[in-house]
C-alpha atoms as a PDB file:
ATOM      1  CA  MET A   1     -10.947 -12.007   2.087  1.00  0.00           C
ATOM      2  CA  SER A   2      -7.686 -13.522   2.785  1.00  0.00           C
ATOM      3  CA  GLY A   3      -6.393 -10.821   5.121  1.00  0.00           C
ATOM      4  CA  GLU A   4      -3.493 -10.201   2.909  1.00  0.00           C
ATOM      5  CA  THR A   5      -2.449  -6.456   2.453  1.00  0.00           C
ATOM      6  CA  ALA A   6      -0.965  -6.792  -1.021  1.00  0.00           C
ATOM      7  CA  PHE A   7      -0.669  -9.679  -3.943  1.00  0.00           C
ATOM      8  CA  TYR A   8       3.145  -9.805  -3.487  1.00  0.00           C
ATOM      9  CA  GLU A   9       5.728  -8.721  -1.011  1.00  0.00           C
ATOM     10  CA  PRO A  10       9.029  -7.503  -2.324  1.00  0.00           C
ATOM     11  CA  LEU A  11      11.920  -9.367  -1.516  1.00  0.00           C
ATOM     12  CA  GLY A  12      14.913  -7.686  -3.451  1.00  0.00           C
ATOM     13  CA  GLY A  13      17.184  -8.533  -6.178  1.00  0.00           C
ATOM     14  CA  GLY A  14      14.070  -9.436  -8.618  1.00  0.00           C
ATOM     15  CA  ARG A  15      12.605 -11.830  -6.150  1.00  0.00           C
ATOM     16  CA  TYR A  16       8.794 -11.496  -4.794  1.00  0.00           C
ATOM     17  CA  ARG A  17       6.771 -13.542  -2.686  1.00  0.00           C
ATOM     18  CA  ALA A  18       3.678 -14.306  -3.629  1.00  0.00           C
ATOM     19  CA  THR A  19       0.765 -13.927  -1.003  1.00  0.00           C
ATOM     20  CA  ARG A  20      -2.513 -16.075  -0.407  1.00  0.00           C
ATOM     21  CA  ALA A  21      -4.251 -13.359  -2.294  1.00  0.00           C
ATOM     22  CA  THR A  22      -3.177 -14.544  -5.568  1.00  0.00           C
ATOM     23  CA  VAL A  23      -4.826 -18.057  -5.048  1.00  0.00           C
ATOM     24  CA  GLY A  24      -7.370 -18.889  -8.100  1.00  0.00           C
ATOM     25  CA  PRO A  25     -10.577 -21.230  -7.847  1.00  0.00           C
ATOM     26  CA  TRP A  26      -8.620 -24.280  -8.785  1.00  0.00           C
ATOM     27  CA  SER A  27      -6.295 -25.107  -5.952  1.00  0.00           C
ATOM     28  CA  PRO A  28      -5.086 -23.338  -2.909  1.00  0.00           C
ATOM     29  CA  GLU A  29      -1.215 -23.945  -3.933  1.00  0.00           C
ATOM     30  CA  LEU A  30      -1.701 -22.346  -7.466  1.00  0.00           C
ATOM     31  CA  GLN A  31      -1.936 -18.652  -8.529  1.00  0.00           C
ATOM     32  CA  HIS A  32      -4.733 -17.189 -10.657  1.00  0.00           C
ATOM     33  CA  GLY A  33      -3.025 -15.854 -13.924  1.00  0.00           C
ATOM     34  CA  GLY A  34      -3.989 -12.231 -13.226  1.00  0.00           C
ATOM     35  CA  PRO A  35      -1.832 -11.417 -10.260  1.00  0.00           C
ATOM     36  CA  PRO A  36       1.590 -12.638 -11.785  1.00  0.00           C
ATOM     37  CA  SER A  37       1.014 -11.346 -15.198  1.00  0.00           C
ATOM     38  CA  ALA A  38       0.396  -7.778 -13.587  1.00  0.00           C
ATOM     39  CA  LEU A  39       3.592  -8.554 -11.778  1.00  0.00           C
ATOM     40  CA  LEU A  40       5.365  -8.953 -15.145  1.00  0.00           C
ATOM     41  CA  ALA A  41       3.711  -5.925 -16.399  1.00  0.00           C
ATOM     42  CA  HIS A  42       4.923  -3.866 -13.025  1.00  0.00           C
ATOM     43  CA  VAL A  43       8.714  -4.899 -13.720  1.00  0.00           C
ATOM     44  CA  LEU A  44       8.364  -4.020 -17.500  1.00  0.00           C
ATOM     45  CA  GLU A  45       7.153  -0.682 -16.608  1.00  0.00           C
ATOM     46  CA  ARG A  46      10.011   0.070 -14.423  1.00  0.00           C
ATOM     47  CA  LEU A  47      12.620  -1.449 -16.663  1.00  0.00           C
ATOM     48  CA  SER A  48      13.353   1.578 -19.129  1.00  0.00           C
ATOM     49  CA  PRO A  49      11.212   4.501 -18.435  1.00  0.00           C
ATOM     50  CA  ARG A  50      11.625   7.601 -20.531  1.00  0.00           C
ATOM     51  CA  PRO A  51       9.165  10.532 -20.779  1.00  0.00           C
ATOM     52  CA  GLY A  52       6.271  10.050 -23.085  1.00  0.00           C
ATOM     53  CA  ALA A  53       6.852   6.309 -23.649  1.00  0.00           C
ATOM     54  CA  ARG A  54       4.487   3.761 -22.903  1.00  0.00           C
ATOM     55  CA  ILE A  55       3.605   0.085 -23.194  1.00  0.00           C
ATOM     56  CA  ALA A  56       1.556  -0.372 -26.170  1.00  0.00           C
ATOM     57  CA  ARG A  57       1.092  -4.033 -26.375  1.00  0.00           C
ATOM     58  CA  LEU A  58       1.697  -7.002 -23.778  1.00  0.00           C
ATOM     59  CA  SER A  59       1.988 -10.525 -24.468  1.00  0.00           C
ATOM     60  CA  VAL A  60       2.196 -13.190 -22.061  1.00  0.00           C
ATOM     61  CA  GLU A  61       2.780 -16.888 -22.413  1.00  0.00           C
ATOM     62  CA  LEU A  62       1.489 -19.069 -19.462  1.00  0.00           C
ATOM     63  CA  LEU A  63       4.085 -22.059 -19.645  1.00  0.00           C
ATOM     64  CA  GLY A  64       2.636 -24.030 -16.595  1.00  0.00           C
ATOM     65  CA  PRO A  65       0.790 -24.021 -13.449  1.00  0.00           C
ATOM     66  CA  VAL A  66       2.375 -20.976 -11.303  1.00  0.00           C
ATOM     67  CA  GLU A  67       2.524 -21.998  -7.666  1.00  0.00           C
ATOM     68  CA  VAL A  68       2.327 -19.609  -4.910  1.00  0.00           C
ATOM     69  CA  GLY A  69       5.654 -18.929  -3.136  1.00  0.00           C
ATOM     70  CA  GLU A  70       8.651 -17.066  -4.127  1.00  0.00           C
ATOM     71  CA  MET A  71       8.877 -15.730  -7.863  1.00  0.00           C
ATOM     72  CA  ARG A  72      12.321 -14.454  -9.658  1.00  0.00           C
ATOM     73  CA  ILE A  73      11.448 -11.758 -12.371  1.00  0.00           C
ATOM     74  CA  ALA A  74      14.311 -11.199 -14.684  1.00  0.00           C
ATOM     75  CA  ALA A  75      13.797  -8.394 -17.608  1.00  0.00           C
ATOM     76  CA  ALA A  76      15.841  -7.168 -20.407  1.00  0.00           C
ATOM     77  CA  VAL A  77      15.516  -4.676 -23.456  1.00  0.00           C
ATOM     78  CA  GLU A  78      15.350  -7.103 -26.281  1.00  0.00           C
ATOM     79  CA  ARG A  79      15.303  -4.429 -29.021  1.00  0.00           C
ATOM     80  CA  PRO A  80      16.562  -1.017 -27.853  1.00  0.00           C
ATOM     81  CA  GLY A  81      15.449   2.155 -29.743  1.00  0.00           C
ATOM     82  CA  LYS A  82      14.733   6.047 -29.117  1.00  0.00           C
ATOM     83  CA  ARG A  83      11.141   5.561 -30.254  1.00  0.00           C
ATOM     84  CA  ILE A  84      10.310   1.906 -30.266  1.00  0.00           C
ATOM     85  CA  GLN A  85      11.796  -0.672 -27.673  1.00  0.00           C
ATOM     86  CA  LEU A  86      11.109  -4.595 -27.177  1.00  0.00           C
ATOM     87  CA  LEU A  87      10.973  -5.513 -23.439  1.00  0.00           C
ATOM     88  CA  SER A  88      10.821  -9.214 -22.211  1.00  0.00           C
ATOM     89  CA  ALA A  89      10.462 -10.565 -18.687  1.00  0.00           C
ATOM     90  CA  ARG A  90      10.551 -14.278 -17.506  1.00  0.00           C
ATOM     91  CA  ALA A  91       9.299 -15.324 -14.175  1.00  0.00           C
ATOM     92  CA  GLU A  92      10.751 -18.539 -12.225  1.00  0.00           C
ATOM     93  CA  VAL A  93       8.996 -20.600  -9.820  1.00  0.00           C
ATOM     94  CA  ASN A  94      10.551 -23.262  -7.762  1.00  0.00           C
ATOM     95  CA  GLY A  95      13.370 -23.437 -10.470  1.00  0.00           C
ATOM     96  CA  ARG A  96      11.017 -23.561 -13.167  1.00  0.00           C
ATOM     97  CA  GLU A  97      10.139 -20.966 -15.847  1.00  0.00           C
ATOM     98  CA  ALA A  98       6.508 -20.462 -15.493  1.00  0.00           C
ATOM     99  CA  MET A  99       5.838 -17.384 -17.376  1.00  0.00           C
ATOM    100  CA  ARG A 100       7.515 -15.293 -20.171  1.00  0.00           C
ATOM    101  CA  ALA A 101       6.402 -11.694 -21.319  1.00  0.00           C
ATOM    102  CA  LEU A 102       6.928  -9.327 -24.243  1.00  0.00           C
ATOM    103  CA  ALA A 103       6.067  -5.831 -24.329  1.00  0.00           C
ATOM    104  CA  TRP A 104       6.280  -3.000 -27.190  1.00  0.00           C
ATOM    105  CA  GLN A 105       7.214   0.074 -25.535  1.00  0.00           C
ATOM    106  CA  LEU A 106       6.291   3.239 -27.944  1.00  0.00           C
ATOM    107  CA  GLN A 107       7.079   6.777 -27.951  1.00  0.00           C
ATOM    108  CA  ALA A 108       3.790   8.897 -27.731  1.00  0.00           C
ATOM    109  CA  GLU A 109       3.653  12.344 -28.998  1.00  0.00           C
ATOM    110  CA  PRO A 110       0.659  14.468 -28.637  1.00  0.00           C
ATOM    111  CA  GLY A 111      -0.417  15.878 -32.016  1.00  0.00           C
ATOM    112  CA  ARG A 112       1.829  13.593 -34.309  1.00  0.00           C
ATOM    113  CA  SER A 113      -1.248  12.314 -35.683  1.00  0.00           C
ATOM    114  CA  PRO A 114      -5.052  12.868 -35.951  1.00  0.00           C
ATOM    115  CA  GLU A 115      -7.298  10.820 -33.527  1.00  0.00           C
ATOM    116  CA  ALA A 116      -9.478   8.130 -35.580  1.00  0.00           C
ATOM    117  CA  GLY A 117     -11.515   5.070 -34.869  1.00  0.00           C
ATOM    118  CA  PRO A 118     -14.483   4.441 -32.544  1.00  0.00           C
ATOM    119  CA  ARG A 119     -14.507   6.150 -29.108  1.00  0.00           C
ATOM    120  CA  GLU A 120     -17.077   3.737 -27.264  1.00  0.00           C
ATOM    121  CA  PRO A 121     -18.057   5.288 -23.942  1.00  0.00           C
ATOM    122  CA  ALA A 122     -17.653   3.115 -20.663  1.00  0.00           C
ATOM    123  CA  PRO A 123     -21.079   1.727 -19.242  1.00  0.00           C
ATOM    124  CA  PRO A 124     -22.232   3.439 -16.113  1.00  0.00           C
ATOM    125  CA  LEU A 125     -20.682   2.051 -12.799  1.00  0.00           C
ATOM    126  CA  PRO A 126     -23.250   0.000 -11.048  1.00  0.00           C
ATOM    127  CA  PRO A 127     -23.848   0.322  -7.297  1.00  0.00           C
ATOM    128  CA  PRO A 128     -22.414  -2.376  -5.005  1.00  0.00           C
ATOM    129  CA  GLN A 129     -23.493  -5.780  -5.676  1.00  0.00           C
ATOM    130  CA  PRO A 130     -23.321  -9.006  -3.636  1.00  0.00           C
ATOM    131  CA  GLN A 131     -20.062 -10.783  -4.332  1.00  0.00           C
ATOM    132  CA  GLY A 132     -20.682 -14.399  -5.713  1.00  0.00           C
ATOM    133  CA  PHE A 133     -18.559 -16.511  -7.888  1.00  0.00           C
ATOM    134  CA  PHE A 134     -19.063 -19.922  -9.691  1.00  0.00           C
ATOM    135  CA  PRO A 135     -21.663 -22.285  -8.777  1.00  0.00           C
ATOM    136  CA  GLY A 136     -20.671 -25.380  -6.769  1.00  0.00           C
ATOM    137  CA  LEU A 137     -17.377 -23.627  -6.069  1.00  0.00           C
ATOM    138  CA  PRO A 138     -16.015 -22.088  -3.045  1.00  0.00           C
ATOM    139  CA  THR A 139     -15.018 -18.396  -2.927  1.00  0.00           C
ATOM    140  CA  PHE A 140     -11.132 -18.062  -3.586  1.00  0.00           C
ATOM    141  CA  PRO A 141      -8.747 -15.289  -2.426  1.00  0.00           C
ATOM    142  CA  TYR A 142      -8.190 -13.712  -5.885  1.00  0.00           C
ATOM    143  CA  GLY A 143     -11.816 -13.204  -6.323  1.00  0.00           C
ATOM    144  CA  GLU A 144     -12.243 -11.700  -2.881  1.00  0.00           C
ATOM    145  CA  ALA A 145      -9.389  -9.548  -3.573  1.00  0.00           C
ATOM    146  CA  LEU A 146     -11.352  -7.663  -6.269  1.00  0.00           C
ATOM    147  CA  GLU A 147     -14.680  -5.702  -6.224  1.00  0.00           C
ATOM    148  CA  TRP A 148     -16.910  -6.868  -9.248  1.00  0.00           C
ATOM    149  CA  ARG A 149     -19.745  -5.271 -10.526  1.00  0.00           C
ATOM    150  CA  PHE A 150     -21.501  -6.582 -13.570  1.00  0.00           C
ATOM    151  CA  THR A 151     -23.584  -4.602 -16.102  1.00  0.00           C
ATOM    152  CA  GLU A 152     -24.154  -8.096 -18.255  1.00  0.00           C
ATOM    153  CA  GLY A 153     -24.097 -11.425 -17.375  1.00  0.00           C
ATOM    154  CA  HIS A 154     -22.171 -12.893 -13.909  1.00  0.00           C
ATOM    155  CA  PHE A 155     -20.024 -15.385 -12.890  1.00  0.00           C
ATOM    156  CA  ALA A 156     -23.328 -17.679 -12.348  1.00  0.00           C
ATOM    157  CA  GLU A 157     -24.257 -17.319 -16.045  1.00  0.00           C
ATOM    158  CA  PRO A 158     -22.976 -18.675 -19.027  1.00  0.00           C
ATOM    159  CA  GLY A 159     -22.286 -16.183 -21.980  1.00  0.00           C
ATOM    160  CA  PRO A 160     -20.778 -12.887 -22.826  1.00  0.00           C
ATOM    161  CA  ALA A 161     -20.278 -10.461 -19.505  1.00  0.00           C
ATOM    162  CA  THR A 162     -19.506  -6.818 -19.109  1.00  0.00           C
ATOM    163  CA  VAL A 163     -17.875  -5.993 -15.529  1.00  0.00           C
ATOM    164  CA  TRP A 164     -16.268  -3.247 -13.778  1.00  0.00           C
ATOM    165  CA  THR A 165     -13.406  -4.199 -11.110  1.00  0.00           C
ATOM    166  CA  ARG A 166     -11.548  -2.481  -8.423  1.00  0.00           C
ATOM    167  CA  CYS A 167      -8.296  -4.121  -6.798  1.00  0.00           C
ATOM    168  CA  ARG A 168      -9.048  -3.704  -2.956  1.00  0.00           C
ATOM    169  CA  ILE A 169      -5.196  -4.511  -2.544  1.00  0.00           C
ATOM    170  CA  PRO A 170      -1.957  -3.205  -4.129  1.00  0.00           C
ATOM    171  CA  LEU A 171      -0.366  -5.307  -6.351  1.00  0.00           C
ATOM    172  CA  VAL A 172       3.356  -5.166  -4.737  1.00  0.00           C
ATOM    173  CA  GLU A 173       3.605  -3.905  -0.990  1.00  0.00           C
ATOM    174  CA  GLY A 174       4.671  -0.420  -0.549  1.00  0.00           C
ATOM    175  CA  GLN A 175       4.630   0.439  -4.252  1.00  0.00           C
ATOM    176  CA  PRO A 176       2.419   2.333  -6.513  1.00  0.00           C
ATOM    177  CA  PHE A 177      -0.318   0.629  -8.442  1.00  0.00           C
ATOM    178  CA  SER A 178      -0.200   1.673 -12.065  1.00  0.00           C
ATOM    179  CA  GLY A 179      -3.472   1.688 -14.327  1.00  0.00           C
ATOM    180  CA  LEU A 180      -1.761  -0.893 -16.803  1.00  0.00           C
ATOM    181  CA  CYS A 181      -1.135  -3.323 -13.783  1.00  0.00           C
ATOM    182  CA  ARG A 182      -4.699  -2.940 -12.402  1.00  0.00           C
ATOM    183  CA  MET A 183      -5.939  -3.730 -15.978  1.00  0.00           C
ATOM    184  CA  ILE A 184      -3.531  -6.813 -16.223  1.00  0.00           C
ATOM    185  CA  ALA A 185      -4.767  -8.233 -12.930  1.00  0.00           C
ATOM    186  CA  MET A 186      -8.143  -8.112 -13.856  1.00  0.00           C
ATOM    187  CA  VAL A 187      -8.077  -9.209 -17.870  1.00  0.00           C
ATOM    188  CA  ASP A 188      -6.896 -12.829 -17.142  1.00  0.00           C
ATOM    189  CA  SER A 189     -10.309 -13.262 -15.611  1.00  0.00           C
ATOM    190  CA  ALA A 190     -12.379 -12.580 -18.939  1.00  0.00           C
ATOM    191  CA  ASN A 191     -12.541 -16.483 -19.792  1.00  0.00           C
ATOM    192  CA  GLY A 192     -14.023 -16.740 -16.073  1.00  0.00           C
ATOM    193  CA  VAL A 193     -16.628 -14.180 -16.456  1.00  0.00           C
ATOM    194  CA  SER A 194     -17.779 -15.298 -20.008  1.00  0.00           C
ATOM    195  CA  TRP A 195     -17.337 -18.878 -19.706  1.00  0.00           C
ATOM    196  CA  VAL A 196     -19.910 -20.990 -22.267  1.00  0.00           C
ATOM    197  CA  LEU A 197     -19.433 -24.454 -20.933  1.00  0.00           C
ATOM    198  CA  PRO A 198     -20.423 -25.893 -17.301  1.00  0.00           C
ATOM    199  CA  LEU A 199     -17.214 -25.674 -15.136  1.00  0.00           C
ATOM    200  CA  GLU A 200     -18.401 -29.149 -13.656  1.00  0.00           C
ATOM    201  CA  THR A 201     -18.078 -30.757 -16.841  1.00  0.00           C
ATOM    202  CA  HIS A 202     -15.199 -28.900 -18.893  1.00  0.00           C
ATOM    203  CA  THR A 203     -11.994 -26.746 -18.202  1.00  0.00           C
ATOM    204  CA  PHE A 204     -11.133 -23.984 -20.216  1.00  0.00           C
ATOM    205  CA  VAL A 205      -7.219 -23.012 -19.701  1.00  0.00           C
ATOM    206  CA  PRO A 206      -6.017 -19.853 -21.356  1.00  0.00           C
ATOM    207  CA  VAL A 207      -2.496 -20.428 -22.584  1.00  0.00           C
ATOM    208  CA  ASP A 208      -1.328 -16.732 -23.133  1.00  0.00           C
ATOM    209  CA  LEU A 209      -2.676 -13.294 -22.711  1.00  0.00           C
ATOM    210  CA  ASN A 210      -2.407 -10.658 -25.645  1.00  0.00           C
ATOM    211  CA  VAL A 211      -3.104  -7.131 -24.635  1.00  0.00           C
ATOM    212  CA  VAL A 212      -3.207  -4.121 -27.098  1.00  0.00           C
ATOM    213  CA  LEU A 213      -3.963  -0.494 -25.946  1.00  0.00           C
ATOM    214  CA  ARG A 214      -4.513   2.823 -27.278  1.00  0.00           C
ATOM    215  CA  ARG A 215      -3.862   4.681 -24.125  1.00  0.00           C
ATOM    216  CA  LEU A 216      -2.862   3.942 -20.676  1.00  0.00           C
ATOM    217  CA  PRO A 217      -5.770   2.997 -18.344  1.00  0.00           C
ATOM    218  CA  GLU A 218      -6.264   5.569 -15.612  1.00  0.00           C
ATOM    219  CA  GLY A 219      -8.280   5.516 -12.210  1.00  0.00           C
ATOM    220  CA  GLU A 220      -9.057   2.890  -9.589  1.00  0.00           C
ATOM    221  CA  TRP A 221     -12.014   0.848 -11.577  1.00  0.00           C
ATOM    222  CA  MET A 222     -10.893  -1.191 -14.686  1.00  0.00           C
ATOM    223  CA  GLY A 223     -13.559  -2.698 -17.011  1.00  0.00           C
ATOM    224  CA  MET A 224     -14.000  -5.289 -19.585  1.00  0.00           C
ATOM    225  CA  SER A 225     -16.576  -7.051 -21.815  1.00  0.00           C
ATOM    226  CA  ALA A 226     -15.619 -10.437 -22.734  1.00  0.00           C
ATOM    227  CA  THR A 227     -16.887 -13.028 -25.272  1.00  0.00           C
ATOM    228  CA  THR A 228     -15.821 -16.819 -25.382  1.00  0.00           C
ATOM    229  CA  SER A 229     -15.734 -18.634 -28.627  1.00  0.00           C
ATOM    230  CA  VAL A 230     -15.112 -22.549 -28.512  1.00  0.00           C
ATOM    231  CA  GLU A 231     -14.927 -24.910 -31.607  1.00  0.00           C
ATOM    232  CA  GLY A 232     -15.977 -28.850 -31.401  1.00  0.00           C
ATOM    233  CA  ASP A 233     -12.311 -29.518 -31.458  1.00  0.00           C
ATOM    234  CA  GLY A 234     -11.432 -27.894 -27.949  1.00  0.00           C
ATOM    235  CA  LEU A 235      -9.648 -24.980 -29.110  1.00  0.00           C
ATOM    236  CA  GLY A 236     -10.996 -21.553 -28.750  1.00  0.00           C
ATOM    237  CA  TYR A 237     -10.536 -17.821 -27.705  1.00  0.00           C
ATOM    238  CA  VAL A 238     -11.683 -14.841 -25.701  1.00  0.00           C
ATOM    239  CA  GLU A 239     -12.015 -11.377 -27.267  1.00  0.00           C
ATOM    240  CA  THR A 240     -12.350  -8.564 -24.487  1.00  0.00           C
ATOM    241  CA  ARG A 241     -12.932  -4.798 -25.105  1.00  0.00           C
ATOM    242  CA  LEU A 242     -11.063  -2.960 -21.896  1.00  0.00           C
ATOM    243  CA  PHE A 243     -12.335   0.239 -20.699  1.00  0.00           C
ATOM    244  CA  ASP A 244     -11.813   2.655 -18.175  1.00  0.00           C
ATOM    245  CA  ALA A 245     -13.978   5.630 -16.852  1.00  0.00           C
ATOM    246  CA  ALA A 246     -13.325   7.774 -19.976  1.00  0.00           C
ATOM    247  CA  GLY A 247     -14.383   4.844 -22.117  1.00  0.00           C
ATOM    248  CA  THR A 248     -12.366   2.028 -24.401  1.00  0.00           C
ATOM    249  CA  VAL A 249      -8.519   1.990 -24.056  1.00  0.00           C
ATOM    250  CA  GLY A 250      -7.818  -1.216 -25.971  1.00  0.00           C
ATOM    251  CA  ALA A 251      -8.712  -4.963 -26.378  1.00  0.00           C
ATOM    252  CA  SER A 252      -7.444  -8.473 -25.466  1.00  0.00           C
ATOM    253  CA  LEU A 253      -7.422 -11.742 -26.719  1.00  0.00           C
ATOM    254  CA  HIS A 254      -6.841 -15.126 -24.890  1.00  0.00           C
ATOM    255  CA  THR A 255      -6.258 -18.411 -26.626  1.00  0.00           C
ATOM    256  CA  LEU A 256      -8.049 -21.355 -24.887  1.00  0.00           C
ATOM    257  CA  PHE A 257      -7.478 -25.115 -24.592  1.00  0.00           C
ATOM    258  CA  VAL A 258     -11.045 -26.863 -23.586  1.00  0.00           C
ATOM    259  CA  THR A 259     -11.177 -30.343 -22.612  1.00  0.00           C
ATOM    260  CA  PRO A 260     -13.753 -32.406 -20.187  1.00  0.00           C
ATOM    261  CA  ARG A 261     -13.044 -32.547 -16.847  1.00  0.00           C
END
């Protein structure tokens, strides 16, 4: 573990300091995509709260590497409405816009419609497992900041994977960690747990994150079943089922850029 007590420290005025716990596997100077995406979700959840309203879709565009350091988050209501609102947020790092997000906030009303569609149960939560990551690469702070319990696949195995995760530290120091943010902090790892090409020969970079939720996730443990598909021209995607202890909560889709190292 990095020894940090949260992924971010609030500095006031929409500013946050990324701690070493956000560092991903590629460089000690770069954040993994999960924590800053979750930070955007954290800001959007607090932008225009109202009883019964919840974020049903979150799309994050990754505009370039996100350096470790101070982040400035600006958020706005793009399309106001009593029952349907479009929210936006932008993250600036070192004077450069590094990420932007759009979220649809919809009014949920119990009994407004009958329940329909599949209700897949969640796989059982396995007992604790040894915590290992990509073969040939050292451990990294973001990976250590979560606990990983696989029911299918592993970081060390190519192909589809199903995994439960638990964040060991809060997202923002001194602030509640919502189920939505726990899920977003995890799901950017979908391409990592379900890799299909060797990491020593190829990179596969997600350029976006698109999450649609039928309900808000609950609890400390979040899970995903991820599958990566890549074409011969170097483009691909990652398709993921998202679940908590009560079963499926939604799905995510990443667009991948794949290239030889």
